Amino acid sequence: DLIEMKCNTIRDFLIAKNEQYGDSVFTPIRIFSSADEAEQLRVRIDDKLNRLLQGNDSLETDYDVIKDLIGYLVLYLIHLES
């Protein structure tokens, strides 16, 4: 039950973020970067891992970073399976 509840929470969080940012992962506006979707996701994952390693929660808490990281990993999995 706890796993299902947490997965549903992450699902809802990821859908809300996707709506908020206009599907920027899979349809980016590409102003400066010409990196493909996979590379952009890997960079975002690296950034989140770096924030966890730095341990500085002045911008966002570790909890928020972990939720974002899970979301990016799900999006990366979707990309790999498409």
Protein backbone atom coordinates (compact mmCIF):
# COMPACT_ATOMS: atom_id res chain seq x y z
CA ASP A 1 0.00 0.00 0.00
CA LEU A 2 2.81 2.43 0.84
CA ILE A 3 4.57 1.73 -2.45
CA GLU A 4 1.38 2.29 -4.41
CA MET A 5 0.61 5.52 -2.53
CA LYS A 6 4.12 6.87 -3.07
CA CYS A 7 4.12 5.94 -6.76
CA ASN A 8 0.74 7.65 -7.20
CA THR A 9 2.08 10.75 -5.45
CA ILE A 10 5.12 10.81 -7.75
CA ARG A 11 2.86 10.26 -10.78
CA ASP A 12 0.64 13.20 -9.81
CA PHE A 13 3.71 15.36 -9.10
CA LEU A 14 5.26 14.51 -12.48
CA ILE A 15 2.04 15.20 -14.37
CA ALA A 16 1.63 18.55 -12.59
CA LYS A 17 5.25 19.53 -13.33
CA ASN A 18 4.82 18.53 -16.97
CA GLU A 19 1.72 20.72 -17.25
CA GLN A 20 3.43 23.59 -15.42
CA TYR A 21 6.49 23.57 -17.68
CA GLY A 22 4.69 22.78 -20.93
CA ASP A 23 6.28 19.38 -21.66
CA SER A 24 9.71 21.03 -21.78
CA VAL A 25 11.49 17.68 -21.60
CA PHE A 26 10.07 16.18 -24.78
CA THR A 27 9.33 19.39 -26.68
CA PRO A 28 11.92 21.95 -25.54
CA ILE A 29 12.05 25.41 -27.08
CA ARG A 30 15.80 25.02 -27.78
CA ILE A 31 16.98 28.59 -27.48
CA PHE A 32 20.58 27.80 -26.54
CA SER A 33 20.90 24.03 -26.46
CA SER A 34 20.73 21.67 -29.39
CA ALA A 35 21.20 18.58 -27.22
CA ASP A 36 18.78 15.75 -27.85
CA GLU A 37 16.14 14.66 -25.31
CA ALA A 38 18.30 11.94 -23.78
CA GLU A 39 21.24 14.27 -23.24
CA GLN A 40 19.02 16.96 -21.74
CA LEU A 41 17.54 14.44 -19.32
CA ARG A 42 21.00 13.17 -18.34
CA VAL A 43 22.12 16.75 -17.62
CA ARG A 44 19.06 17.37 -15.45
CA ILE A 45 19.66 14.10 -13.60
CA ASP A 46 23.32 15.06 -13.06
CA ASP A 47 22.23 18.45 -11.70
CA LYS A 48 19.86 16.83 -9.21
CA LEU A 49 22.49 14.29 -8.12
CA ASN A 50 24.96 17.11 -7.65
CA ARG A 51 22.50 18.99 -5.42
CA LEU A 52 22.09 15.87 -3.28
CA LEU A 53 25.85 15.42 -2.99
CA GLN A 54 26.40 19.09 -2.12
CA GLY A 55 23.80 18.89 0.62
CA ASN A 56 22.84 22.56 0.27
CA ASP A 57 19.12 22.92 0.83
CA SER A 58 19.03 26.71 0.53
CA LEU A 59 17.37 26.42 -2.89
CA GLU A 60 15.37 23.23 -2.42
CA THR A 61 15.23 20.47 0.16
CA ASP A 62 16.70 17.02 -0.39
CA TYR A 63 13.12 15.76 -0.43
CA ASP A 64 12.28 18.05 -3.36
CA VAL A 65 15.47 17.07 -5.17
CA ILE A 66 14.68 13.37 -4.75
CA LYS A 67 11.14 13.83 -6.10
CA ASP A 68 12.52 15.71 -9.11
CA LEU A 69 15.19 13.05 -9.62
CA ILE A 70 12.61 10.26 -9.59
CA GLY A 71 10.54 12.23 -12.09
CA TYR A 72 13.49 12.73 -14.42
CA LEU A 73 14.37 9.03 -14.18
CA VAL A 74 10.80 8.10 -15.11
CA LEU A 75 10.96 10.49 -18.08
CA TYR A 76 14.31 9.01 -19.09
CA LEU A 77 12.81 5.52 -18.95
CA ILE A 78 9.90 6.69 -21.12
CA HIS A 79 12.42 8.13 -23.59
CA LEU A 80 14.41 4.89 -23.69
CA GLU A 81 11.26 2.85 -24.31
CA SER A 82 9.96 5.09 -27.08
